[in-house]
Amino acid sequence: MIEKIEQIRDARWFSNLTTLIIIAYASVLGFKTIGDVETNYSLFLQFADAFVTIYFIFEIAIKMVAEKKFVNFFKSGWNLFDFTIVVITLLPLESSGYAAVARLLRIFRVLRLFTARPELKAIIDMLIKAIPAIIDIVILMFIIFYIYAIVGNFFFEKLPSGLWSDFLVSMLTLFRVLTFEDWTDVMYEAMEVYPWAWAYFVSFVIIAAFVFFNLFVAVIIGEMQKLNEADMKQEIHEDSKKLDILLSEVKHLRQELNQIKKSKD
């Protein structure tokens, strides 16, 4: 019985069904924001909400039962994530003064899409593993922002636009330049007073936009390669196990054949 439940839990169709239900429910949540839809289709929306709630309880129950030891279910961070979302959405807040909070919490059901798709789980795991390297890049980026903000405030403080009036405003201006939102207007205004200002802006764009963007990409690609290598090692390990089992079976068959030959002789 447990083996059949494990097969259901690991089946591709079960994952696809969960994904389809989550996407449909996300569409319903968006549908509720249109005009008087929530009033006119209240019965349908209540049915959809109840159906999704029951399905999530059913799904989480399957995952729990499929574990050989019940405690093992809570050793997985993704299982804890699923369990927390299901429990939160089951809290009886609709009839209390926290009805608005209950509606807001339903949105978090859409996050279950991460755990429903193994590919998404792999991507999230990869991003989590890349956080230490990303933090170092962000710290380095903040240092560059800090230096350029101080320099920009020192030279461009008196400009009419007030985009460099103090350190914090200068940081926001640099962020605007980084997003390429009319950054040439900021540069040309500075060049009217300081013709060399183009070097300040161009160097910042090259360093902050292109270099740091490539660093982020390099970190993510590196983590993807590590993930692929780990998957390959896992596959090799599983194949070696299968080969060992096959060799042991062949050895056992040879022993049986030898015994049969000896008995005939």
Protein backbone atom coordinates (compact mmCIF):
# COMPACT_ATOMS: atom_id res chain seq x y z
CA MET A 1 0.00 0.00 0.00
CA ILE A 2 2.78 2.41 0.96
CA GLU A 3 4.63 1.57 -2.26
CA LYS A 4 1.58 2.59 -4.32
CA ILE A 5 1.34 5.86 -2.40
CA GLU A 6 5.04 6.49 -3.03
CA GLN A 7 4.46 5.89 -6.74
CA ILE A 8 1.60 8.43 -6.71
CA ARG A 9 3.75 10.97 -4.86
CA ASP A 10 6.64 10.60 -7.32
CA ALA A 11 4.45 10.29 -10.43
CA ARG A 12 4.79 12.95 -13.09
CA TRP A 13 1.02 13.15 -13.62
CA PHE A 14 0.52 13.96 -9.93
CA SER A 15 3.02 16.81 -10.14
CA ASN A 16 1.36 18.10 -13.33
CA LEU A 17 -2.10 17.88 -11.72
CA THR A 18 -0.93 19.92 -8.73
CA THR A 19 0.64 22.48 -11.05
CA LEU A 20 -2.57 22.77 -13.09
CA ILE A 21 -4.71 23.25 -9.97
CA ILE A 22 -2.37 25.94 -8.57
CA ILE A 23 -2.35 27.84 -11.88
CA ALA A 24 -6.16 27.60 -12.11
CA TYR A 25 -6.49 28.84 -8.54
CA ALA A 26 -4.12 31.73 -9.27
CA SER A 27 -6.36 32.65 -12.21
CA VAL A 28 -9.40 32.57 -9.91
CA LEU A 29 -7.66 34.90 -7.45
CA GLY A 30 -6.98 37.34 -10.27
CA PHE A 31 -10.56 36.93 -11.54
CA LYS A 32 -11.89 37.99 -8.12
CA THR A 33 -10.33 41.46 -8.48
CA ILE A 34 -12.50 42.34 -11.51
CA GLY A 35 -15.47 44.55 -10.69
CA ASP A 36 -18.37 42.79 -8.94
CA VAL A 37 -17.18 39.30 -9.84
CA GLU A 38 -16.78 38.29 -6.19
CA THR A 39 -20.44 39.21 -5.55
CA ASN A 40 -21.92 37.70 -8.70
CA TYR A 41 -19.90 34.48 -8.61
CA SER A 42 -19.55 34.05 -4.86
CA LEU A 43 -20.80 30.44 -4.91
CA PHE A 44 -18.32 29.40 -7.61
CA LEU A 45 -15.46 31.15 -5.83
CA GLN A 46 -16.34 29.48 -2.52
CA PHE A 47 -16.44 26.11 -4.26
CA ALA A 48 -13.05 26.74 -5.91
CA ASP A 49 -11.52 27.76 -2.59
CA ALA A 50 -12.94 24.70 -0.80
CA PHE A 51 -11.78 22.38 -3.61
CA VAL A 52 -8.23 23.71 -3.51
CA THR A 53 -8.16 23.47 0.28
CA ILE A 54 -9.30 19.83 0.21
CA TYR A 55 -6.84 18.97 -2.57
CA PHE A 56 -3.91 20.51 -0.70
CA ILE A 57 -4.83 18.55 2.43
CA PHE A 58 -5.07 15.38 0.31
CA GLU A 59 -1.70 16.08 -1.32
CA ILE A 60 0.09 16.81 1.94
CA ALA A 61 -1.45 13.65 3.46
CA ILE A 62 -0.08 11.57 0.57
CA LYS A 63 3.40 13.02 1.12
CA MET A 64 3.22 12.27 4.83
CA VAL A 65 1.98 8.68 4.41
CA ALA A 66 4.54 7.99 1.67
CA GLU A 67 7.39 8.55 4.11
CA LYS A 68 8.67 5.38 5.72
CA LYS A 69 9.09 7.31 8.96
CA PHE A 70 6.62 10.11 9.68
CA VAL A 71 9.38 12.26 11.22
CA ASN A 72 11.30 12.22 7.92
CA PHE A 73 8.59 14.36 6.36
CA PHE A 74 9.57 17.31 8.54
CA LYS A 75 13.28 16.93 7.80
CA SER A 76 12.77 18.42 4.34
CA GLY A 77 12.64 22.20 4.10
CA TRP A 78 10.28 22.01 1.11
CA ASN A 79 7.88 19.77 3.05
CA LEU A 80 7.88 22.24 5.94
CA PHE A 81 7.17 25.01 3.44
CA ASP A 82 4.17 23.11 2.04
CA PHE A 83 2.90 22.15 5.48
CA THR A 84 3.14 25.75 6.76
CA ILE A 85 1.18 27.15 3.81
CA VAL A 86 -1.55 24.52 4.19
CA VAL A 87 -1.85 25.11 7.94
CA ILE A 88 -1.93 28.91 7.57
CA THR A 89 -4.69 28.78 4.97
CA LEU A 90 -6.73 26.49 7.24
CA LEU A 91 -6.82 29.01 10.08
CA PRO A 92 -10.46 30.11 10.74
CA LEU A 93 -9.96 33.80 10.09
CA GLU A 94 -12.83 34.39 7.66
CA SER A 95 -15.46 34.82 10.39
CA SER A 96 -13.20 36.92 12.59
CA GLY A 97 -11.91 40.46 12.33
CA TYR A 98 -8.99 39.16 10.27
CA ALA A 99 -10.99 38.30 7.15
CA ALA A 100 -8.80 40.59 5.04
CA VAL A 101 -5.69 38.83 6.37
CA ALA A 102 -7.25 35.45 5.47
CA ARG A 103 -7.82 36.61 1.90
CA LEU A 104 -4.25 37.84 1.71
CA LEU A 105 -2.89 34.54 3.01
CA ARG A 106 -4.64 32.67 0.19
CA ILE A 107 -2.24 34.30 -2.23
CA PHE A 108 0.59 32.30 -0.67
CA ARG A 109 -1.00 29.13 -2.02
CA VAL A 110 0.37 30.13 -5.40
CA LEU A 111 3.87 29.68 -3.92
CA ARG A 112 3.12 25.95 -3.78
CA LEU A 113 3.99 26.01 -7.48
CA PHE A 114 7.66 25.98 -6.44
CA THR A 115 7.30 22.61 -4.74
CA ALA A 116 4.94 21.15 -7.34
CA ARG A 117 7.54 21.41 -10.09
CA PRO A 118 10.88 19.62 -9.45
CA GLU A 119 12.55 21.92 -11.99
CA LEU A 120 11.48 25.02 -10.05
CA LYS A 121 12.68 23.45 -6.81
CA ALA A 122 16.08 22.86 -8.40
CA ILE A 123 16.27 26.49 -9.55
CA ILE A 124 15.30 27.81 -6.10
CA ASP A 125 17.84 25.50 -4.43
CA MET A 126 20.47 26.77 -6.84
CA LEU A 127 19.65 30.41 -6.04
CA ILE A 128 19.75 29.71 -2.30
CA LYS A 129 23.19 28.13 -2.65
CA ALA A 130 24.33 31.18 -4.65
CA ILE A 131 23.29 33.63 -1.88
CA PRO A 132 26.74 33.78 -0.16
CA ALA A 133 28.47 34.71 -3.42
CA ILE A 134 25.66 37.14 -4.33
CA ILE A 135 25.99 38.86 -0.93
CA ASP A 136 29.70 39.43 -1.59
CA ILE A 137 28.88 40.94 -4.99
CA VAL A 138 26.21 43.19 -3.41
CA ILE A 139 28.71 44.39 -0.78
CA LEU A 140 31.24 45.19 -3.49
CA MET A 141 28.51 46.94 -5.49
CA PHE A 142 27.53 49.01 -2.43
CA ILE A 143 31.14 50.16 -2.06
CA ILE A 144 31.16 51.31 -5.69
CA PHE A 145 27.82 53.09 -5.17
CA TYR A 146 29.13 54.71 -1.99
CA ILE A 147 32.28 56.08 -3.66
CA TYR A 148 30.42 57.38 -6.73
CA ALA A 149 27.67 58.93 -4.55
CA ILE A 150 30.23 60.85 -2.48
CA VAL A 151 32.05 62.02 -5.62
CA GLY A 152 28.78 62.96 -7.33
CA ASN A 153 27.56 64.91 -4.31
CA PHE A 154 30.90 66.74 -4.08
CA PHE A 155 30.90 67.92 -7.70
CA PHE A 156 27.21 68.11 -8.68
CA GLU A 157 25.56 69.25 -5.46
CA LYS A 158 24.66 72.71 -6.83
CA LEU A 159 22.92 71.47 -9.99
CA PRO A 160 19.36 72.87 -10.40
CA SER A 161 17.67 69.45 -10.48
CA GLY A 162 18.74 68.66 -6.92
CA LEU A 163 19.59 65.09 -7.89
CA TRP A 164 22.87 65.29 -5.98
CA SER A 165 21.76 67.40 -3.00
CA ASP A 166 22.94 64.89 -0.39
CA PHE A 167 24.40 61.41 -0.07
CA LEU A 168 21.09 59.49 0.00
CA VAL A 169 19.64 61.38 -2.97
CA SER A 170 22.89 60.75 -4.85
CA MET A 171 22.52 57.02 -4.18
CA LEU A 172 18.99 57.11 -5.60
CA THR A 173 20.23 59.04 -8.63
CA LEU A 174 22.91 56.43 -9.24
CA PHE A 175 20.27 53.72 -8.98
CA ARG A 176 18.28 55.59 -11.62
CA VAL A 177 21.38 55.68 -13.83
CA LEU A 178 21.86 51.94 -13.25
CA THR A 179 18.31 51.24 -14.49
CA PHE A 180 19.01 53.37 -17.61
CA GLU A 181 15.91 55.48 -16.84
CA ASP A 182 16.69 58.80 -18.63
CA TRP A 183 20.24 58.59 -17.32
CA THR A 184 21.53 60.60 -20.29
CA ASP A 185 19.46 63.58 -19.09
CA VAL A 186 21.26 63.40 -15.76
CA MET A 187 24.61 63.20 -17.54
CA TYR A 188 23.94 66.10 -19.94
CA GLU A 189 22.83 68.33 -17.07
CA ALA A 190 26.13 67.68 -15.30
CA MET A 191 28.10 68.19 -18.54
CA GLU A 192 26.69 71.71 -18.91
CA VAL A 193 28.72 72.65 -15.83
CA TYR A 194 31.48 70.02 -15.95
CA PRO A 195 32.29 68.93 -19.54
CA TRP A 196 34.30 65.98 -18.20
CA ALA A 197 31.24 64.59 -16.35
CA TRP A 198 30.66 62.06 -19.13
CA ALA A 199 33.67 60.09 -17.83
CA TYR A 200 32.02 59.85 -14.39
CA PHE A 201 28.74 58.49 -15.76
CA VAL A 202 30.17 56.23 -18.47
CA SER A 203 32.64 54.64 -16.05
CA PHE A 204 29.85 54.07 -13.51
CA VAL A 205 27.59 52.46 -16.12
CA ILE A 206 30.39 50.20 -17.35
CA ILE A 207 31.40 49.12 -13.83
CA ALA A 208 27.99 48.89 -12.16
CA ALA A 209 25.78 47.77 -15.03
CA PHE A 210 27.92 45.55 -17.20
CA VAL A 211 30.64 44.21 -14.89
CA PHE A 212 28.35 43.45 -11.95
CA PHE A 213 25.65 42.01 -14.19
CA ASN A 214 28.20 39.61 -15.66
CA LEU A 215 29.35 38.71 -12.14
CA PHE A 216 25.78 37.77 -11.18
CA VAL A 217 25.44 35.70 -14.34
CA ALA A 218 28.78 34.00 -13.68
CA VAL A 219 27.73 33.05 -10.12
CA ILE A 220 24.41 31.60 -11.29
CA ILE A 221 26.07 29.67 -14.15
CA GLY A 222 28.64 28.32 -11.69
CA GLU A 223 25.90 27.08 -9.36
CA MET A 224 24.07 25.52 -12.31
CA GLN A 225 27.24 23.64 -13.28
CA LYS A 226 27.64 22.41 -9.69
CA LEU A 227 24.02 21.27 -9.70
CA ASN A 228 24.49 19.42 -12.99
CA GLU A 229 27.65 17.78 -11.69
CA ALA A 230 25.83 16.71 -8.51
CA ASP A 231 23.01 15.24 -10.62
CA MET A 232 25.52 13.37 -12.79
CA LYS A 233 27.27 11.98 -9.71
CA GLN A 234 23.91 10.90 -8.31
CA GLU A 235 23.02 9.16 -11.58
CA ILE A 236 26.43 7.45 -11.70
CA HIS A 237 26.00 6.35 -8.08
CA GLU A 238 22.54 4.94 -8.81
CA ASP A 239 23.80 3.21 -11.96
CA SER A 240 26.68 1.67 -10.01
CA LYS A 241 24.21 0.38 -7.42
CA LYS A 242 22.10 -1.19 -10.16
CA LEU A 243 25.22 -2.71 -11.69
CA ASP A 244 26.27 -4.17 -8.33
CA ILE A 245 22.81 -5.67 -7.89
CA LEU A 246 22.93 -7.11 -11.41
CA LEU A 247 26.40 -8.57 -10.84
CA SER A 248 25.30 -10.12 -7.57
CA GLU A 249 22.32 -11.69 -9.33
CA VAL A 250 24.57 -13.04 -12.08
CA LYS A 251 26.93 -14.44 -9.46
CA HIS A 252 24.02 -16.06 -7.67
CA LEU A 253 22.79 -17.60 -10.94
CA ARG A 254 26.26 -18.99 -11.65
CA GLN A 255 26.35 -20.60 -8.22
CA GLU A 256 22.96 -22.18 -8.83
CA LEU A 257 24.08 -23.45 -12.24
CA ASN A 258 27.22 -24.94 -10.71
CA GLN A 259 25.15 -26.64 -8.06
CA ILE A 260 22.82 -28.08 -10.75
CA LYS A 261 25.82 -29.38 -12.72
CA LYS A 262 27.30 -30.99 -9.61
CA SER A 263 24.00 -32.65 -8.77
CA LYS A 264 23.76 -34.09 -12.32
CA ASP A 265 27.30 -35.41 -12.15
